[in-house]
Amino acid sequence: MGKQINFYIHKELELEFFNYLKKNNYILFIKKNIRPTN
């Protein structure tokens, strides 16, 4: 049971990390291509 909880925590951290990277990549992308999207 403890291992399962650790697994879930790890997955959550992974998701947070990927979201962080995605956000940063998106910001870099916007900085490179400064164009209105709408």
N, C-alpha and C. Protein backbone atom coordinates (compact mmCIF):
# COMPACT_ATOMS: atom_id res chain seq x y z
N MET A 1 0.83 -1.20 0.00
CA MET A 1 0.00 0.00 0.00
C MET A 1 0.88 1.26 0.00
N GLY A 2 1.89 1.28 0.85
CA GLY A 2 2.80 2.43 0.88
C GLY A 2 3.47 2.63 -0.47
N LYS A 3 3.84 1.52 -1.11
CA LYS A 3 4.49 1.62 -2.42
C LYS A 3 3.54 2.24 -3.44
N GLN A 4 2.28 1.87 -3.36
CA GLN A 4 1.29 2.38 -4.30
C GLN A 4 1.15 3.90 -4.13
N ILE A 5 1.11 4.35 -2.88
CA ILE A 5 1.00 5.78 -2.60
C ILE A 5 2.22 6.51 -3.17
N ASN A 6 3.40 5.96 -2.95
CA ASN A 6 4.62 6.57 -3.48
C ASN A 6 4.55 6.65 -5.00
N PHE A 7 4.01 5.61 -5.61
CA PHE A 7 3.87 5.57 -7.07
C PHE A 7 2.99 6.71 -7.54
N TYR A 8 1.88 6.90 -6.85
CA TYR A 8 0.96 7.97 -7.25
C TYR A 8 1.60 9.35 -7.07
N ILE A 9 2.31 9.53 -5.97
CA ILE A 9 3.01 10.80 -5.73
C ILE A 9 4.01 11.04 -6.85
N HIS A 10 4.74 10.00 -7.22
CA HIS A 10 5.74 10.11 -8.28
C HIS A 10 5.07 10.52 -9.59
N LYS A 11 3.93 9.89 -9.90
CA LYS A 11 3.20 10.21 -11.13
C LYS A 11 2.75 11.67 -11.10
N GLU A 12 2.25 12.12 -9.97
CA GLU A 12 1.82 13.52 -9.83
C GLU A 12 2.98 14.46 -10.10
N LEU A 13 4.14 14.17 -9.51
CA LEU A 13 5.32 15.01 -9.70
C LEU A 13 5.73 15.02 -11.16
N GLU A 14 5.65 13.85 -11.80
CA GLU A 14 5.99 13.76 -13.22
C GLU A 14 5.07 14.65 -14.03
N LEU A 15 3.78 14.61 -13.75
CA LEU A 15 2.81 15.43 -14.47
C LEU A 15 3.11 16.91 -14.25
N GLU A 16 3.39 17.28 -13.01
CA GLU A 16 3.72 18.67 -12.70
C GLU A 16 4.93 19.10 -13.52
N PHE A 17 5.94 18.24 -13.55
CA PHE A 17 7.18 18.55 -14.26
C PHE A 17 6.92 18.72 -15.75
N PHE A 18 6.14 17.81 -16.33
CA PHE A 18 5.84 17.90 -17.76
C PHE A 18 5.03 19.14 -18.08
N ASN A 19 4.07 19.47 -17.20
CA ASN A 19 3.27 20.68 -17.41
C ASN A 19 4.17 21.90 -17.36
N TYR A 20 5.12 21.90 -16.42
CA TYR A 20 6.08 23.00 -16.28
C TYR A 20 6.89 23.14 -17.56
N LEU A 21 7.39 22.03 -18.08
CA LEU A 21 8.17 22.07 -19.31
C LEU A 21 7.33 22.56 -20.48
N LYS A 22 6.10 22.05 -20.55
CA LYS A 22 5.21 22.46 -21.63
C LYS A 22 4.97 23.96 -21.59
N LYS A 23 4.72 24.48 -20.38
CA LYS A 23 4.47 25.90 -20.22
C LYS A 23 5.69 26.69 -20.67
N ASN A 24 6.87 26.26 -20.24
CA ASN A 24 8.10 26.97 -20.61
C ASN A 24 8.35 26.91 -22.11
N ASN A 25 8.11 25.74 -22.71
CA ASN A 25 8.30 25.61 -24.16
C ASN A 25 7.32 26.52 -24.89
N TYR A 26 6.12 26.61 -24.37
CA TYR A 26 5.09 27.46 -24.97
C TYR A 26 5.53 28.92 -24.91
N ILE A 27 6.06 29.33 -23.75
CA ILE A 27 6.54 30.71 -23.59
C ILE A 27 7.69 30.98 -24.56
N LEU A 28 8.63 30.04 -24.66
CA LEU A 28 9.76 30.22 -25.59
C LEU A 28 9.26 30.31 -27.02
N PHE A 29 8.28 29.48 -27.34
CA PHE A 29 7.69 29.47 -28.68
C PHE A 29 7.07 30.83 -28.99
N ILE A 30 6.34 31.37 -28.03
CA ILE A 30 5.70 32.68 -28.21
C ILE A 30 6.77 33.76 -28.38
N LYS A 31 7.84 33.67 -27.60
CA LYS A 31 8.90 34.67 -27.70
C LYS A 31 9.55 34.62 -29.08
N LYS A 32 9.71 33.41 -29.62
CA LYS A 32 10.32 33.26 -30.94
C LYS A 32 9.39 33.79 -32.04
N ASN A 33 8.14 33.40 -31.96
CA ASN A 33 7.16 33.80 -32.99
C ASN A 33 6.18 34.78 -32.37
N ILE A 34 6.57 36.03 -32.34
CA ILE A 34 5.69 37.02 -31.71
C ILE A 34 4.63 37.43 -32.73
N ARG A 35 3.53 36.73 -32.68
CA ARG A 35 2.40 36.94 -33.58
C ARG A 35 1.14 36.74 -32.77
N PRO A 36 0.10 37.52 -33.00
CA PRO A 36 -1.16 37.24 -32.31
C PRO A 36 -1.74 35.92 -32.84
N THR A 37 -2.21 35.09 -31.93
CA THR A 37 -2.74 33.79 -32.35
C THR A 37 -4.18 33.91 -32.83
N ASN A 38 -4.91 34.92 -32.33
CA ASN A 38 -6.33 35.05 -32.72
C ASN A 38 -6.46 35.95 -33.94
